[in-house]
Amino acid sequence: MVKLRLKRFGKKREASYRIVAISSLSRREALPLEELGFYNPRTHETRLDVPGIVRRLQQGAQPTSTVRRILEKANVFEQVRA
């Protein structure tokens, strides 16, 4: 199963995350299938590849709870239903 989840990068105590499509059996630092966005929790900055995320969700990818909240704030699920 493919999941949309966060992949950590950055220095100690200054973490940022990439939103990636990755196999659910892989580790957090494993090579992702595709990078779909960026999230910085300190500044609440997000950059999303919305067409890529919509495509992955239509193919059956399951977002984690944190990624789901980020996508809900960006109204991505409305585009999946349309």
C-alpha atoms as a PDB file:
ATOM      1  CA  MET A   1       0.000   0.000   0.000  1.00  0.00           C
ATOM      2  CA  VAL A   2       1.198   3.502  -0.810  1.00  0.00           C
ATOM      3  CA  LYS A   3       1.001   6.139   1.918  1.00  0.00           C
ATOM      4  CA  LEU A   4       1.377   9.893   1.853  1.00  0.00           C
ATOM      5  CA  ARG A   5       3.511  10.774   4.848  1.00  0.00           C
ATOM      6  CA  LEU A   6       6.152  13.154   6.156  1.00  0.00           C
ATOM      7  CA  LYS A   7       9.868  12.629   5.632  1.00  0.00           C
ATOM      8  CA  ARG A   8      12.051  14.561   8.077  1.00  0.00           C
ATOM      9  CA  PHE A   9      15.060  16.625   7.017  1.00  0.00           C
ATOM     10  CA  GLY A  10      16.991  19.568   8.408  1.00  0.00           C
ATOM     11  CA  LYS A  11      19.219  20.182  11.392  1.00  0.00           C
ATOM     12  CA  LYS A  12      18.627  19.131  14.976  1.00  0.00           C
ATOM     13  CA  ARG A  13      15.761  21.065  16.553  1.00  0.00           C
ATOM     14  CA  GLU A  14      15.122  22.753  13.188  1.00  0.00           C
ATOM     15  CA  ALA A  15      13.221  20.020  11.434  1.00  0.00           C
ATOM     16  CA  SER A  16      11.308  20.474   8.213  1.00  0.00           C
ATOM     17  CA  TYR A  17       9.364  17.816   6.391  1.00  0.00           C
ATOM     18  CA  ARG A  18       8.731  16.714   2.843  1.00  0.00           C
ATOM     19  CA  ILE A  19       5.398  15.180   1.946  1.00  0.00           C
ATOM     20  CA  VAL A  20       6.200  11.992   0.047  1.00  0.00           C
ATOM     21  CA  ALA A  21       4.450   9.021  -1.512  1.00  0.00           C
ATOM     22  CA  ILE A  22       6.140   5.916  -0.119  1.00  0.00           C
ATOM     23  CA  SER A  23       5.405   2.255   0.497  1.00  0.00           C
ATOM     24  CA  SER A  24       3.810   1.685   3.893  1.00  0.00           C
ATOM     25  CA  LEU A  25       6.435  -0.953   4.684  1.00  0.00           C
ATOM     26  CA  SER A  26       9.384   1.426   4.148  1.00  0.00           C
ATOM     27  CA  ARG A  27      11.240   3.372   6.819  1.00  0.00           C
ATOM     28  CA  ARG A  28      10.834   7.135   7.197  1.00  0.00           C
ATOM     29  CA  GLU A  29      14.233   7.835   5.574  1.00  0.00           C
ATOM     30  CA  ALA A  30      13.760   5.364   2.711  1.00  0.00           C
ATOM     31  CA  LEU A  31      13.794   6.406  -0.935  1.00  0.00           C
ATOM     32  CA  PRO A  32      10.296   7.737  -1.750  1.00  0.00           C
ATOM     33  CA  LEU A  33       8.296   6.956  -4.864  1.00  0.00           C
ATOM     34  CA  GLU A  34       7.623  10.680  -5.348  1.00  0.00           C
ATOM     35  CA  GLU A  35       8.057  13.957  -3.442  1.00  0.00           C
ATOM     36  CA  LEU A  36       4.792  15.874  -3.401  1.00  0.00           C
ATOM     37  CA  GLY A  37       5.293  18.833  -1.124  1.00  0.00           C
ATOM     38  CA  PHE A  38       7.005  20.578   1.759  1.00  0.00           C
ATOM     39  CA  TYR A  39       5.920  21.483   5.310  1.00  0.00           C
ATOM     40  CA  ASN A  40       7.768  23.651   7.823  1.00  0.00           C
ATOM     41  CA  PRO A  41       6.105  23.414  11.273  1.00  0.00           C
ATOM     42  CA  ARG A  42       8.027  26.389  12.699  1.00  0.00           C
ATOM     43  CA  THR A  43       6.765  28.900  10.124  1.00  0.00           C
ATOM     44  CA  HIS A  44       3.662  26.905   9.038  1.00  0.00           C
ATOM     45  CA  GLU A  45       4.846  27.208   5.436  1.00  0.00           C
ATOM     46  CA  THR A  46       3.485  24.617   3.023  1.00  0.00           C
ATOM     47  CA  ARG A  47       4.152  24.033  -0.660  1.00  0.00           C
ATOM     48  CA  LEU A  48       2.086  21.339  -2.327  1.00  0.00           C
ATOM     49  CA  ASP A  49       2.146  19.680  -5.750  1.00  0.00           C
ATOM     50  CA  VAL A  50      -1.645  19.532  -5.847  1.00  0.00           C
ATOM     51  CA  PRO A  51      -2.026  17.707  -9.212  1.00  0.00           C
ATOM     52  CA  GLY A  52       0.461  15.053  -8.064  1.00  0.00           C
ATOM     53  CA  ILE A  53      -1.279  14.615  -4.697  1.00  0.00           C
ATOM     54  CA  VAL A  54      -4.700  14.348  -6.352  1.00  0.00           C
ATOM     55  CA  ARG A  55      -3.335  11.733  -8.773  1.00  0.00           C
ATOM     56  CA  ARG A  56      -1.874   9.657  -5.903  1.00  0.00           C
ATOM     57  CA  LEU A  57      -5.092   9.881  -3.871  1.00  0.00           C
ATOM     58  CA  GLN A  58      -7.133   8.731  -6.881  1.00  0.00           C
ATOM     59  CA  GLN A  59      -4.756   5.777  -7.242  1.00  0.00           C
ATOM     60  CA  GLY A  60      -5.582   4.753  -3.653  1.00  0.00           C
ATOM     61  CA  ALA A  61      -2.783   6.280  -1.570  1.00  0.00           C
ATOM     62  CA  GLN A  62      -3.689   6.753   2.100  1.00  0.00           C
ATOM     63  CA  PRO A  63      -2.493   9.916   3.912  1.00  0.00           C
ATOM     64  CA  THR A  64      -1.346   9.784   7.529  1.00  0.00           C
ATOM     65  CA  SER A  65      -3.313  11.832  10.052  1.00  0.00           C
ATOM     66  CA  THR A  66      -0.870  14.764   9.973  1.00  0.00           C
ATOM     67  CA  VAL A  67      -0.728  14.859   6.182  1.00  0.00           C
ATOM     68  CA  ARG A  68      -4.529  14.594   6.075  1.00  0.00           C
ATOM     69  CA  ARG A  69      -4.839  17.761   8.214  1.00  0.00           C
ATOM     70  CA  ILE A  70      -2.385  19.627   5.964  1.00  0.00           C
ATOM     71  CA  LEU A  71      -4.337  18.583   2.863  1.00  0.00           C
ATOM     72  CA  GLU A  72      -7.683  19.511   4.455  1.00  0.00           C
ATOM     73  CA  LYS A  73      -6.396  23.029   5.173  1.00  0.00           C
ATOM     74  CA  ALA A  74      -5.361  23.344   1.509  1.00  0.00           C
ATOM     75  CA  ASN A  75      -8.771  22.000   0.316  1.00  0.00           C
ATOM     76  CA  VAL A  76      -7.131  19.215  -1.709  1.00  0.00           C
ATOM     77  CA  PHE A  77      -9.866  16.642  -0.966  1.00  0.00           C
ATOM     78  CA  GLU A  78     -12.463  18.821  -2.719  1.00  0.00           C
ATOM     79  CA  GLN A  79     -10.458  18.462  -5.934  1.00  0.00           C
ATOM     80  CA  VAL A  80     -10.317  14.670  -5.557  1.00  0.00           C
ATOM     81  CA  ARG A  81     -14.113  14.413  -5.336  1.00  0.00           C
ATOM     82  CA  ALA A  82     -14.683  16.660  -8.357  1.00  0.00           C
END
